[in-house]
Amino acid sequence: MRIEGDTIIFKSVDTYFVKEKDGRKPNTVRILDEYESGIVYNRWYSGSLKKIRIELITSESPDSFERELTDITWCGSAFGRDYVIFSWRHEE
């Protein structure tokens, strides 16, 4: 995870990336440590986190897409890590 401006950025593997990019799966579940979760929480609820970029992990053909974030849901925690769902609006 990294944040650049108002955009949070994650990496994804082929299996999920295709579905995320074409809109069949307009969300991603991530496990964040307490520090990362705190940053995301503060940025989301202050209105300064607006977009998500997903980057394909590959050395053959790099690809990425960016979407408008519509929701971030903290859905559980264990062992100092939070399970967080990031959802976005698919571009038609």
C-alpha atoms as a PDB file:
ATOM      1  CA  MET A   1       0.000   0.000   0.000  1.00  0.00           C
ATOM      2  CA  ARG A   2       1.071   3.522  -0.711  1.00  0.00           C
ATOM      3  CA  ILE A   3      -0.734   6.844  -0.876  1.00  0.00           C
ATOM      4  CA  GLU A   4       0.041   9.555  -3.413  1.00  0.00           C
ATOM      5  CA  GLY A   5      -2.025  12.714  -3.026  1.00  0.00           C
ATOM      6  CA  ASP A   6      -5.681  11.673  -2.809  1.00  0.00           C
ATOM      7  CA  THR A   7      -5.031   8.195  -4.264  1.00  0.00           C
ATOM      8  CA  ILE A   8      -4.397   4.914  -2.444  1.00  0.00           C
ATOM      9  CA  ILE A   9      -2.426   2.381  -4.470  1.00  0.00           C
ATOM     10  CA  PHE A  10      -2.384  -1.408  -4.224  1.00  0.00           C
ATOM     11  CA  LYS A  11      -0.841  -4.196  -6.279  1.00  0.00           C
ATOM     12  CA  SER A  12      -2.918  -7.080  -7.614  1.00  0.00           C
ATOM     13  CA  VAL A  13      -2.274 -10.431  -9.309  1.00  0.00           C
ATOM     14  CA  ASP A  14      -3.630 -11.464 -12.730  1.00  0.00           C
ATOM     15  CA  THR A  15      -6.511 -13.547 -11.351  1.00  0.00           C
ATOM     16  CA  TYR A  16      -8.064 -10.630  -9.471  1.00  0.00           C
ATOM     17  CA  PHE A  17      -6.803  -7.737 -11.599  1.00  0.00           C
ATOM     18  CA  VAL A  18      -8.828  -8.684 -14.688  1.00  0.00           C
ATOM     19  CA  LYS A  19     -12.067  -8.872 -12.658  1.00  0.00           C
ATOM     20  CA  GLU A  20     -11.286  -5.668 -10.769  1.00  0.00           C
ATOM     21  CA  LYS A  21     -10.527  -3.764 -13.957  1.00  0.00           C
ATOM     22  CA  ASP A  22     -13.561  -4.939 -15.953  1.00  0.00           C
ATOM     23  CA  GLY A  23     -16.017  -4.296 -13.105  1.00  0.00           C
ATOM     24  CA  ARG A  24     -16.967  -7.855 -12.118  1.00  0.00           C
ATOM     25  CA  LYS A  25     -15.185  -7.280  -8.789  1.00  0.00           C
ATOM     26  CA  PRO A  26     -15.273  -3.553  -7.918  1.00  0.00           C
ATOM     27  CA  ASN A  27     -13.561  -4.010  -4.557  1.00  0.00           C
ATOM     28  CA  THR A  28     -10.476  -5.383  -2.875  1.00  0.00           C
ATOM     29  CA  VAL A  29      -9.945  -6.765   0.613  1.00  0.00           C
ATOM     30  CA  ARG A  30      -6.668  -5.819   2.256  1.00  0.00           C
ATOM     31  CA  ILE A  31      -4.997  -6.619   5.549  1.00  0.00           C
ATOM     32  CA  LEU A  32      -3.492  -3.475   7.065  1.00  0.00           C
ATOM     33  CA  ASP A  33      -1.349  -3.086  10.140  1.00  0.00           C
ATOM     34  CA  GLU A  34      -2.456  -0.622  12.819  1.00  0.00           C
ATOM     35  CA  TYR A  35      -0.302   2.191  11.430  1.00  0.00           C
ATOM     36  CA  GLU A  36      -1.579   1.808   7.852  1.00  0.00           C
ATOM     37  CA  SER A  37      -5.159   1.412   9.049  1.00  0.00           C
ATOM     38  CA  GLY A  38      -4.906   4.605  11.087  1.00  0.00           C
ATOM     39  CA  ILE A  39      -3.616   6.587   8.127  1.00  0.00           C
ATOM     40  CA  VAL A  40      -6.359   5.254   5.840  1.00  0.00           C
ATOM     41  CA  TYR A  41      -9.051   5.899   8.479  1.00  0.00           C
ATOM     42  CA  ASN A  42      -7.953   9.494   9.040  1.00  0.00           C
ATOM     43  CA  ARG A  43      -7.586  10.264   5.339  1.00  0.00           C
ATOM     44  CA  TRP A  44     -10.946   8.655   4.401  1.00  0.00           C
ATOM     45  CA  TYR A  45     -12.985  10.359   7.108  1.00  0.00           C
ATOM     46  CA  SER A  46     -11.316  13.737   6.526  1.00  0.00           C
ATOM     47  CA  GLY A  47     -12.296  13.504   2.839  1.00  0.00           C
ATOM     48  CA  SER A  48      -8.724  13.567   1.554  1.00  0.00           C
ATOM     49  CA  LEU A  49      -8.709  10.028   0.113  1.00  0.00           C
ATOM     50  CA  LYS A  50     -10.791   9.951  -3.069  1.00  0.00           C
ATOM     51  CA  LYS A  51      -9.329   7.477  -5.576  1.00  0.00           C
ATOM     52  CA  ILE A  52      -7.858   4.003  -5.775  1.00  0.00           C
ATOM     53  CA  ARG A  53      -5.263   2.737  -8.236  1.00  0.00           C
ATOM     54  CA  ILE A  54      -4.716  -0.977  -8.756  1.00  0.00           C
ATOM     55  CA  GLU A  55      -1.448  -2.009 -10.389  1.00  0.00           C
ATOM     56  CA  LEU A  56      -0.922  -5.400 -11.979  1.00  0.00           C
ATOM     57  CA  ILE A  57       2.044  -7.339 -10.616  1.00  0.00           C
ATOM     58  CA  THR A  58       3.842  -8.593 -13.701  1.00  0.00           C
ATOM     59  CA  SER A  59       7.114  -8.096 -15.465  1.00  0.00           C
ATOM     60  CA  GLU A  60       5.702  -8.887 -18.898  1.00  0.00           C
ATOM     61  CA  SER A  61       3.024  -6.250 -19.428  1.00  0.00           C
ATOM     62  CA  PRO A  62       2.555  -3.624 -16.733  1.00  0.00           C
ATOM     63  CA  ASP A  63      -1.016  -2.342 -16.399  1.00  0.00           C
ATOM     64  CA  SER A  64      -3.041  -0.318 -13.920  1.00  0.00           C
ATOM     65  CA  PHE A  65      -6.362   1.461 -13.552  1.00  0.00           C
ATOM     66  CA  GLU A  66      -7.708   4.204 -11.333  1.00  0.00           C
ATOM     67  CA  ARG A  67     -11.249   4.587 -10.016  1.00  0.00           C
ATOM     68  CA  GLU A  68     -13.287   6.767  -7.653  1.00  0.00           C
ATOM     69  CA  LEU A  69     -13.424   5.274  -4.147  1.00  0.00           C
ATOM     70  CA  THR A  70     -17.030   4.849  -2.989  1.00  0.00           C
ATOM     71  CA  ASP A  71     -16.547   3.126   0.367  1.00  0.00           C
ATOM     72  CA  ILE A  72     -14.003   1.807   2.825  1.00  0.00           C
ATOM     73  CA  THR A  73     -15.289  -0.732   5.354  1.00  0.00           C
ATOM     74  CA  TRP A  74     -13.360  -2.071   8.336  1.00  0.00           C
ATOM     75  CA  CYS A  75     -14.777  -5.569   8.675  1.00  0.00           C
ATOM     76  CA  GLY A  76     -12.653  -7.145  11.384  1.00  0.00           C
ATOM     77  CA  SER A  77      -9.292  -7.408  13.046  1.00  0.00           C
ATOM     78  CA  ALA A  78      -6.955 -10.042  14.417  1.00  0.00           C
ATOM     79  CA  PHE A  79      -3.445  -9.988  15.832  1.00  0.00           C
ATOM     80  CA  GLY A  80      -3.022  -6.239  15.360  1.00  0.00           C
ATOM     81  CA  ARG A  81      -4.162  -6.255  11.743  1.00  0.00           C
ATOM     82  CA  ASP A  82      -7.378  -4.878  10.263  1.00  0.00           C
ATOM     83  CA  TYR A  83      -9.349  -6.434   7.407  1.00  0.00           C
ATOM     84  CA  VAL A  84     -10.492  -3.601   5.180  1.00  0.00           C
ATOM     85  CA  ILE A  85     -12.690  -3.612   2.061  1.00  0.00           C
ATOM     86  CA  PHE A  86     -12.023  -0.873  -0.495  1.00  0.00           C
ATOM     87  CA  SER A  87     -14.865  -0.386  -3.013  1.00  0.00           C
ATOM     88  CA  TRP A  88     -15.041   1.754  -6.119  1.00  0.00           C
ATOM     89  CA  ARG A  89     -17.368   2.837  -8.886  1.00  0.00           C
ATOM     90  CA  HIS A  90     -16.678   0.997 -12.135  1.00  0.00           C
ATOM     91  CA  GLU A  91     -16.376   3.207 -15.201  1.00  0.00           C
ATOM     92  CA  GLU A  92     -19.034   2.260 -17.740  1.00  0.00           C
END
